[in-house]
Amino acid sequence: MRKNETKGRFILVAGLDGAGKTTAMKGALPELQKNCDIVYLKGIGSDNLLGRLAKRFGISFLFLAELLYMTYFPLRKALKQGKVVLMDKYFFFTASHIPDVDTRFNRFLLRICGPLMTKPDTVVYFLLERNERIKRLKAGPYSKYHQRLIDNPDWILEREIAYTAIVRASGAKIIFSDNTGLNITQSVSVFKNIILYFLKGEAQDAD
């Protein structure tokens, strides 16, 4: 992955589906925007043409094409402008998507695309106890990807192991946030404090 050498900061919010990361981000964003120039970008599943095609057909090539577009246009543009960027479902999410990544063609695509992605300055990784995750997935809107996790609970642990291993291998700074037992208000508050803590540390390092 390419190191972020701009004046902006790239904060990736990671974790398996159901952990509440998107809810926490969107809930904390208005308060965070009072403290810094911060924006939210959605990775996989964005509302551009590539994102809509990727969601419709579920092909790895389209997901990676979507990520390349998001990296080279919205993400890098915002970073060059000095913004703090919050993003979820980036390259690590795709690269650890067991069993879909376990094909020769998909592994080849990941090797080609990985070096073209931007390395996050930090990763906030959301953890959640497995049974609570399954309950949340069942209670949420239907998704064929969520249903696969519900039907194959062992995949949750396998994907968690693969996901965290790839994040650690990237060399990015990692902050783990356990969302187990937290309601939405608590989750938003914890996430907001994590981001403010990180940005305060970055400001002190710059001094």
Protein backbone atom coordinates (compact mmCIF):
# COMPACT_ATOMS: atom_id res chain seq x y z
CA MET A 1 0.00 0.00 0.00
CA ARG A 2 1.11 3.56 -0.66
CA LYS A 3 1.89 5.71 2.36
CA ASN A 4 -0.25 8.79 2.81
CA GLU A 5 2.17 11.70 2.38
CA THR A 6 -0.42 14.47 2.26
CA LYS A 7 -1.33 16.90 5.03
CA GLY A 8 -4.68 15.13 5.44
CA ARG A 9 -5.36 12.14 7.68
CA PHE A 10 -6.90 8.84 6.56
CA ILE A 11 -8.80 6.99 9.30
CA LEU A 12 -10.15 3.61 8.23
CA VAL A 13 -13.00 2.15 10.26
CA ALA A 14 -12.89 -1.63 9.98
CA GLY A 15 -14.64 -4.72 11.26
CA LEU A 16 -17.08 -7.36 10.10
CA ASP A 17 -20.68 -6.55 9.24
CA GLY A 18 -22.99 -6.01 12.20
CA ALA A 19 -20.43 -4.39 14.50
CA GLY A 20 -22.08 -0.96 14.25
CA LYS A 21 -19.16 0.89 12.66
CA THR A 22 -21.18 2.81 10.05
CA THR A 23 -23.83 3.77 12.62
CA ALA A 24 -21.13 5.02 15.00
CA MET A 25 -19.38 7.00 12.28
CA LYS A 26 -22.50 8.72 11.00
CA GLY A 27 -23.69 9.41 14.54
CA ALA A 28 -20.39 10.97 15.61
CA LEU A 29 -19.75 12.92 12.40
CA PRO A 30 -21.75 16.11 13.21
CA GLU A 31 -19.93 16.55 16.53
CA LEU A 32 -16.54 15.73 15.00
CA GLN A 33 -17.10 18.30 12.26
CA LYS A 34 -17.23 21.00 14.94
CA ASN A 35 -13.64 20.13 15.88
CA CYS A 36 -11.96 19.54 12.51
CA ASP A 37 -12.42 19.44 8.74
CA ILE A 38 -13.62 15.85 8.54
CA VAL A 39 -15.58 13.96 5.88
CA TYR A 40 -17.08 10.49 5.57
CA LEU A 41 -16.49 8.35 2.48
CA LYS A 42 -18.06 4.97 1.92
CA GLY A 43 -15.78 2.34 0.42
CA ILE A 44 -17.39 -0.78 -1.01
CA GLY A 45 -21.06 -0.28 -1.75
CA SER A 46 -20.81 3.43 -2.56
CA ASP A 47 -23.51 5.09 -4.60
CA ASN A 48 -21.47 5.69 -7.77
CA LEU A 49 -21.93 3.60 -10.92
CA LEU A 50 -19.15 1.14 -10.06
CA GLY A 51 -20.56 0.71 -6.56
CA ARG A 52 -24.05 -0.02 -7.86
CA LEU A 53 -22.69 -2.52 -10.40
CA ALA A 54 -20.53 -4.23 -7.76
CA LYS A 55 -23.49 -4.60 -5.38
CA ARG A 56 -25.70 -5.92 -8.16
CA PHE A 57 -23.32 -8.53 -9.59
CA GLY A 58 -21.05 -9.26 -6.58
CA ILE A 59 -17.92 -9.67 -8.72
CA SER A 60 -14.51 -9.12 -7.09
CA PHE A 61 -13.19 -7.24 -10.12
CA LEU A 62 -15.99 -4.67 -9.81
CA PHE A 63 -15.46 -4.21 -6.06
CA LEU A 64 -11.75 -3.59 -6.62
CA ALA A 65 -12.46 -1.24 -9.53
CA GLU A 66 -14.79 0.68 -7.22
CA LEU A 67 -12.07 0.90 -4.55
CA LEU A 68 -9.49 2.11 -7.07
CA TYR A 69 -11.87 4.85 -8.19
CA MET A 70 -12.59 5.85 -4.57
CA THR A 71 -8.86 5.86 -3.80
CA TYR A 72 -7.66 7.92 -6.75
CA PHE A 73 -10.48 10.45 -6.79
CA PRO A 74 -12.57 11.22 -3.65
CA LEU A 75 -10.05 9.89 -1.09
CA ARG A 76 -6.83 11.39 -2.41
CA LYS A 77 -8.56 14.64 -3.34
CA ALA A 78 -9.83 15.08 0.23
CA LEU A 79 -6.43 14.18 1.72
CA LYS A 80 -4.62 16.67 -0.51
CA GLN A 81 -7.04 19.32 0.72
CA GLY A 82 -5.91 18.55 4.27
CA LYS A 83 -9.16 16.93 5.36
CA VAL A 84 -9.56 14.11 7.86
CA VAL A 85 -11.21 11.24 6.01
CA LEU A 86 -13.31 8.56 7.72
CA MET A 87 -13.87 5.54 5.50
CA ASP A 88 -15.27 2.06 5.94
CA LYS A 89 -15.18 -1.14 3.88
CA TYR A 90 -11.85 -0.46 2.21
CA PHE A 91 -9.31 -2.88 0.72
CA PHE A 92 -8.82 -4.97 3.88
CA PHE A 93 -12.53 -5.85 3.89
CA THR A 94 -12.33 -7.28 0.37
CA ALA A 95 -8.98 -9.00 0.87
CA SER A 96 -10.27 -10.97 3.88
CA HIS A 97 -13.68 -11.89 2.45
CA ILE A 98 -13.48 -15.66 3.00
CA PRO A 99 -14.28 -17.83 1.05
CA ASP A 100 -14.57 -15.45 -1.93
CA VAL A 101 -10.88 -14.54 -1.90
CA ASP A 102 -9.82 -18.19 -2.04
CA THR A 103 -9.71 -18.44 -5.81
CA ARG A 104 -6.66 -18.02 -8.02
CA PHE A 105 -8.21 -15.14 -9.98
CA ASN A 106 -9.25 -13.20 -6.87
CA ARG A 107 -5.86 -13.65 -5.22
CA PHE A 108 -4.24 -12.35 -8.41
CA LEU A 109 -6.50 -9.28 -8.41
CA LEU A 110 -5.65 -8.55 -4.78
CA ARG A 111 -1.90 -8.78 -5.44
CA ILE A 112 -2.24 -6.35 -8.34
CA CYS A 113 -4.51 -3.84 -6.60
CA GLY A 114 -3.03 -3.89 -3.08
CA PRO A 115 0.03 -1.74 -3.85
CA LEU A 116 -2.21 0.87 -5.51
CA MET A 117 -4.30 1.50 -2.41
CA THR A 118 -3.58 4.23 0.15
CA LYS A 119 -2.35 3.05 3.55
CA PRO A 120 -4.51 4.38 6.41
CA ASP A 121 -2.85 6.53 9.06
CA THR A 122 -4.80 4.56 11.62
CA VAL A 123 -7.43 1.81 11.68
CA VAL A 124 -10.26 1.78 14.21
CA TYR A 125 -11.30 -1.88 14.32
CA PHE A 126 -14.74 -2.69 15.74
CA LEU A 127 -15.06 -5.94 17.68
CA LEU A 128 -18.31 -7.68 18.61
CA GLU A 129 -19.11 -10.95 20.37
CA ARG A 130 -20.31 -13.52 17.83
CA ASN A 131 -23.79 -14.24 19.22
CA GLU A 132 -24.55 -10.53 19.50
CA ARG A 133 -23.36 -10.03 15.92
CA ILE A 134 -25.68 -12.77 14.66
CA LYS A 135 -28.61 -11.18 16.52
CA ARG A 136 -27.85 -7.81 14.94
CA LEU A 137 -27.54 -9.30 11.47
CA LYS A 138 -30.86 -11.11 11.87
CA ALA A 139 -32.56 -7.93 13.08
CA GLY A 140 -31.18 -5.80 10.25
CA PRO A 141 -32.33 -5.55 6.62
CA TYR A 142 -31.81 -8.64 4.49
CA SER A 143 -28.47 -8.99 2.75
CA LYS A 144 -27.20 -12.12 1.05
CA TYR A 145 -23.76 -11.45 2.57
CA HIS A 146 -25.24 -11.13 6.06
CA GLN A 147 -27.28 -14.27 5.52
CA ARG A 148 -24.12 -16.21 4.67
CA LEU A 149 -22.63 -15.25 8.03
CA ILE A 150 -25.87 -16.15 9.83
CA ASP A 151 -25.96 -19.55 8.12
CA ASN A 152 -22.22 -20.18 8.64
CA PRO A 153 -21.30 -18.83 12.11
CA ASP A 154 -17.79 -20.33 11.91
CA TRP A 155 -17.05 -17.96 9.03
CA ILE A 156 -17.33 -15.05 11.48
CA LEU A 157 -14.26 -16.22 13.40
CA GLU A 158 -12.40 -17.16 10.21
CA ARG A 159 -13.05 -13.77 8.64
CA GLU A 160 -12.17 -11.96 11.87
CA ILE A 161 -8.81 -13.74 11.98
CA ALA A 162 -8.13 -13.05 8.29
CA TYR A 163 -9.28 -9.43 8.58
CA THR A 164 -7.16 -8.55 11.62
CA ALA A 165 -4.13 -10.37 10.16
CA ILE A 166 -4.27 -8.27 6.98
CA VAL A 167 -4.73 -5.05 8.95
CA ARG A 168 -1.75 -5.88 11.19
CA ALA A 169 0.40 -6.80 8.18
CA SER A 170 -0.25 -3.37 6.65
CA GLY A 171 1.77 -1.71 9.40
CA ALA A 172 -1.01 0.81 10.09
CA LYS A 173 -1.65 1.96 13.64
CA ILE A 174 -4.63 -0.02 15.05
CA ILE A 175 -7.13 0.97 17.73
CA PHE A 176 -9.54 -1.79 18.78
CA SER A 177 -13.03 -0.83 19.95
CA ASP A 178 -15.25 -3.52 21.49
CA ASN A 179 -18.90 -2.72 20.78
CA THR A 180 -20.29 -5.71 22.68
CA GLY A 181 -23.17 -4.70 24.94
CA LEU A 182 -23.16 -1.05 23.86
CA ASN A 183 -26.25 0.76 22.67
CA ILE A 184 -26.10 3.24 19.78
CA THR A 185 -25.56 6.29 22.01
CA GLN A 186 -22.69 4.61 23.84
CA SER A 187 -21.12 3.35 20.62
CA VAL A 188 -21.24 6.82 19.04
CA SER A 189 -19.69 8.39 22.15
CA VAL A 190 -16.85 5.85 22.33
CA PHE A 191 -16.06 6.26 18.64
CA LYS A 192 -16.10 10.07 18.84
CA ASN A 193 -13.66 10.00 21.77
CA ILE A 194 -11.34 7.59 19.94
CA ILE A 195 -11.15 9.90 16.91
CA LEU A 196 -10.60 13.01 19.02
CA TYR A 197 -7.88 11.21 20.99
CA PHE A 198 -6.13 10.17 17.78
CA LEU A 199 -6.31 13.66 16.26
CA LYS A 200 -5.02 15.23 19.48
CA GLY A 201 -2.03 12.88 19.38
CA GLU A 202 -1.38 13.74 15.73
CA ALA A 203 -1.45 17.45 16.54
CA GLN A 204 1.03 16.97 19.40
CA ASP A 205 3.36 14.97 17.15
CA ALA A 206 3.26 17.77 14.57
CA ASP A 207 4.34 20.27 17.24
